[in-house]
Amino acid sequence: MKVVFLEDVPGTAKIGDIKEVKPGFARNYLLPRRMAMAATPAVIKSAEARAVREARLQDARDTEARAVATKVDAAAISITARAGSSGKLFGSVGTNDIAQQVAAIIGQEFERHNVLLPEPIKDLGDYEVPVRLTKNVTATAHVSVIGEDGTTAADIRKKTEAAEGGTRASVEADAGEPAGDDEEAPPVDEEDGSDAYAADEAGEKADQE
């Protein structure tokens, strides 16, 4: 069945497209939701005009979104969370937390589904999270997750490196100490030994005489 799409259908068509679709898909999904109509000449003409209007509106939305994206890209987002000594969070930072911060930056509501976070954040650290402003424009939210006491991932790395450095120094110091039982006896001069033997022998002969 040939239909004209009256709005974008992700993965299928864009507004104004004329396509052949399966009859069941058209009757059960597209037509009842007014996402498409049978491709008659009058409908095609109307859809083409609508597509032109939608393109103009989308250009305007994208232009406005690019200005907003500049603000988001330049902002530093800091989120405080409870964390253990290793930097692991007691819980996680999710799309809703980031959406609230983006909303504060742009001065209007921001839907959490537009935060393109692959999985919740579970460690202290710095993250770059894409956020979708329109279907054609995205920005990058620079998110720093820090502990409630102000601890950052960098602080934990420094502590770990310092501890590892101290352990290495201790091991090296222990390896460099000489063992007392292993001290070598001073070498015996063979000539000194011979002289001592000769003196003892001479003394024994004098006693016999």
Protein backbone atom coordinates (compact mmCIF):
# COMPACT_ATOMS: atom_id res chain seq x y z
CA MET A 1 0.00 0.00 0.00
CA LYS A 2 1.35 3.45 -0.94
CA VAL A 3 1.11 6.06 1.78
CA VAL A 4 2.26 9.62 2.43
CA PHE A 5 3.91 10.13 5.82
CA LEU A 6 2.47 13.04 7.78
CA GLU A 7 5.22 12.95 10.41
CA ASP A 8 8.61 11.40 11.02
CA VAL A 9 8.59 7.70 11.86
CA PRO A 10 12.08 6.73 13.09
CA GLY A 11 13.61 3.97 11.02
CA THR A 12 10.80 4.10 8.45
CA ALA A 13 10.30 7.52 6.84
CA LYS A 14 10.35 11.27 7.25
CA ILE A 15 7.47 13.69 6.93
CA GLY A 16 6.39 14.08 3.30
CA ASP A 17 7.91 10.77 2.17
CA ILE A 18 5.82 8.61 -0.14
CA LYS A 19 6.45 4.91 0.37
CA GLU A 20 5.03 1.48 -0.19
CA VAL A 21 4.30 -0.24 3.13
CA LYS A 22 2.63 -3.47 4.12
CA PRO A 23 -1.18 -3.11 4.25
CA GLY A 24 -1.34 -4.43 7.79
CA PHE A 25 1.28 -1.92 9.01
CA ALA A 26 -0.67 0.91 7.38
CA ARG A 27 -4.13 -0.12 8.61
CA ASN A 28 -3.14 -1.17 12.15
CA TYR A 29 -0.48 1.39 13.00
CA LEU A 30 0.11 4.32 10.64
CA LEU A 31 -3.42 5.29 9.62
CA PRO A 32 -5.10 5.07 13.07
CA ARG A 33 -2.39 7.28 14.56
CA ARG A 34 -2.60 9.71 11.63
CA MET A 35 1.10 9.22 10.99
CA ALA A 36 0.34 8.58 7.31
CA MET A 37 -2.50 8.65 4.80
CA ALA A 38 -3.25 6.82 1.58
CA ALA A 39 -1.28 8.47 -1.22
CA THR A 40 -3.99 10.23 -3.20
CA PRO A 41 -3.02 13.27 -5.33
CA ALA A 42 -4.64 15.70 -2.87
CA VAL A 43 -2.93 14.12 0.13
CA ILE A 44 0.44 14.13 -1.63
CA LYS A 45 0.13 17.85 -2.40
CA SER A 46 -0.84 18.63 1.20
CA ALA A 47 2.00 16.51 2.61
CA GLU A 48 4.57 18.23 0.42
CA ALA A 49 3.48 21.66 1.68
CA ARG A 50 3.55 20.39 5.25
CA ALA A 51 7.07 19.01 4.76
CA VAL A 52 8.29 22.43 3.59
CA ARG A 53 6.78 24.12 6.64
CA GLU A 54 8.26 21.49 8.96
CA ALA A 55 11.72 21.94 7.42
CA ARG A 56 11.58 25.68 8.09
CA LEU A 57 10.48 25.12 11.68
CA GLN A 58 13.21 22.54 12.22
CA ASP A 59 15.85 24.96 10.91
CA ALA A 60 14.65 27.57 13.40
CA ARG A 61 14.72 25.04 16.26
CA ASP A 62 18.22 23.92 15.31
CA THR A 63 19.50 27.51 15.16
CA GLU A 64 18.18 28.19 18.64
CA ALA A 65 19.54 24.88 19.91
CA ARG A 66 23.06 25.68 18.67
CA ALA A 67 23.09 28.79 20.85
CA VAL A 68 21.95 26.69 23.83
CA ALA A 69 24.58 24.06 23.03
CA THR A 70 27.30 26.70 23.39
CA LYS A 71 26.14 27.36 26.97
CA VAL A 72 26.03 23.67 27.85
CA ASP A 73 29.44 22.98 26.31
CA ALA A 74 31.00 25.84 28.31
CA ALA A 75 29.42 24.91 31.65
CA ALA A 76 30.96 22.75 34.38
CA ILE A 77 28.43 20.51 36.12
CA SER A 78 29.27 19.33 39.63
CA ILE A 79 27.21 16.59 41.29
CA THR A 80 27.80 15.54 44.91
CA ALA A 81 27.30 11.92 45.93
CA ARG A 82 28.16 9.58 48.82
CA ALA A 83 31.22 7.49 48.06
CA GLY A 84 33.58 5.05 49.75
CA SER A 85 37.34 5.43 50.20
CA SER A 86 37.94 3.74 46.83
CA GLY A 87 35.72 6.24 44.98
CA LYS A 88 32.78 3.84 44.50
CA LEU A 89 29.42 5.53 44.94
CA PHE A 90 26.77 4.37 47.38
CA GLY A 91 24.21 4.37 44.58
CA SER A 92 24.68 6.05 41.20
CA VAL A 93 24.27 9.24 39.20
CA GLY A 94 21.70 8.85 36.43
CA THR A 95 20.00 10.70 33.59
CA ASN A 96 17.58 12.51 35.90
CA ASP A 97 20.42 14.02 37.96
CA ILE A 98 22.14 15.31 34.84
CA ALA A 99 18.89 16.54 33.25
CA GLN A 100 18.22 18.71 36.31
CA GLN A 101 21.65 20.30 36.00
CA VAL A 102 21.20 20.93 32.25
CA ALA A 103 17.79 22.50 32.94
CA ALA A 104 19.44 24.92 35.39
CA ILE A 105 21.97 25.92 32.72
CA ILE A 106 19.50 26.53 29.90
CA GLY A 107 16.75 27.99 32.09
CA GLN A 108 13.99 25.60 31.06
CA GLU A 109 12.87 22.03 31.61
CA PHE A 110 14.99 19.31 30.08
CA GLU A 111 13.74 15.76 29.60
CA ARG A 112 15.86 12.96 31.05
CA HIS A 113 15.49 10.82 27.88
CA ASN A 114 17.55 13.45 26.06
CA VAL A 115 20.55 12.69 28.29
CA LEU A 116 22.47 10.09 26.27
CA LEU A 117 24.15 8.34 29.19
CA PRO A 118 24.99 4.71 28.29
CA GLU A 119 24.83 3.54 31.90
CA PRO A 120 24.56 5.10 35.38
CA ILE A 121 27.74 6.63 36.81
CA LYS A 122 29.00 4.61 39.79
CA ASP A 123 32.41 6.16 40.52
CA LEU A 124 33.80 9.57 41.39
CA GLY A 125 35.33 11.22 38.34
CA ASP A 126 34.90 13.49 35.35
CA TYR A 127 32.55 12.47 32.55
CA GLU A 128 31.53 13.88 29.16
CA VAL A 129 27.87 13.14 28.57
CA PRO A 130 26.11 13.91 25.25
CA VAL A 131 22.74 15.64 25.57
CA ARG A 132 20.27 15.94 22.69
CA LEU A 133 18.78 19.41 22.22
CA THR A 134 16.97 18.67 18.94
CA LYS A 135 17.08 15.72 16.59
CA ASN A 136 19.92 17.45 14.71
CA VAL A 137 21.81 19.21 17.53
CA THR A 138 23.63 17.74 20.53
CA ALA A 139 25.84 19.28 23.20
CA THR A 140 28.33 17.83 25.68
CA ALA A 141 27.70 18.09 29.41
CA HIS A 142 30.95 18.13 31.41
CA VAL A 143 30.01 16.33 34.61
CA SER A 144 32.23 16.04 37.71
CA VAL A 145 31.03 13.64 40.40
CA ILE A 146 32.61 14.43 43.79
CA GLY A 147 32.21 13.04 47.29
CA GLU A 148 30.15 14.72 49.99
CA ASP A 149 33.38 15.79 51.73
CA GLY A 150 34.74 17.28 48.50
CA THR A 151 36.89 14.27 47.61
CA THR A 152 37.56 13.87 43.89
CA ALA A 153 38.82 10.97 41.83
CA ALA A 154 42.15 12.81 41.55
CA ASP A 155 42.46 12.92 45.35
CA ILE A 156 41.97 9.18 45.57
CA ARG A 157 44.55 8.55 42.84
CA LYS A 158 47.10 10.67 44.73
CA LYS A 159 46.50 8.75 47.96
CA THR A 160 46.82 5.42 46.15
CA GLU A 161 50.04 6.47 44.42
CA ALA A 162 51.50 7.75 47.70
CA ALA A 163 50.66 4.49 49.46
CA GLU A 164 52.17 2.42 46.66
CA GLY A 165 55.30 4.59 46.70
CA GLY A 166 55.72 4.10 50.45
CA THR A 167 55.36 0.33 50.09
CA ARG A 168 57.99 0.21 47.35
CA ALA A 169 60.43 2.29 49.42
CA SER A 170 59.99 -0.01 52.42
CA VAL A 171 60.59 -3.12 50.34
CA GLU A 172 63.70 -1.61 48.76
CA ALA A 173 65.07 -0.57 52.17
CA ASP A 174 64.57 -4.07 53.57
CA ALA A 175 66.29 -5.60 50.57
CA GLY A 176 69.35 -3.33 51.04
CA GLU A 177 70.07 -4.20 54.73
CA PRO A 178 73.08 -6.62 55.25
CA ALA A 179 72.39 -9.76 57.29
CA GLY A 180 74.62 -10.05 60.46
CA ASP A 181 75.04 -13.84 60.27
CA ASP A 182 76.33 -13.62 56.75
CA GLU A 183 79.35 -11.39 57.52
CA GLU A 184 82.54 -12.84 56.06
CA ALA A 185 85.60 -13.43 58.30
CA PRO A 186 88.61 -11.29 57.40
CA PRO A 187 91.04 -13.10 55.11
CA VAL A 188 94.11 -14.73 56.75
CA ASP A 189 97.50 -13.73 55.41
CA GLU A 190 99.31 -16.97 54.62
CA GLU A 191 102.74 -15.38 55.38
CA ASP A 192 101.59 -14.23 58.86
CA GLY A 193 100.47 -17.78 59.58
CA SER A 194 103.84 -19.23 58.59
CA ASP A 195 105.75 -16.78 60.83
CA ALA A 196 103.62 -17.67 63.82
CA TYR A 197 104.22 -21.39 63.26
CA ALA A 198 108.00 -20.84 63.01
CA ALA A 199 108.07 -18.86 66.29
CA ASP A 200 106.17 -21.58 68.14
CA GLU A 201 108.54 -24.26 66.85
CA ALA A 202 111.62 -22.28 67.98
CA GLY A 203 110.17 -21.86 71.45
CA GLU A 204 109.61 -25.59 71.85
CA LYS A 205 113.31 -26.36 70.96
CA ALA A 206 114.60 -23.84 73.53
CA ASP A 207 112.56 -25.48 76.27
CA GLN A 208 113.95 -28.92 75.41
CA GLU A 209 117.53 -27.71 75.65
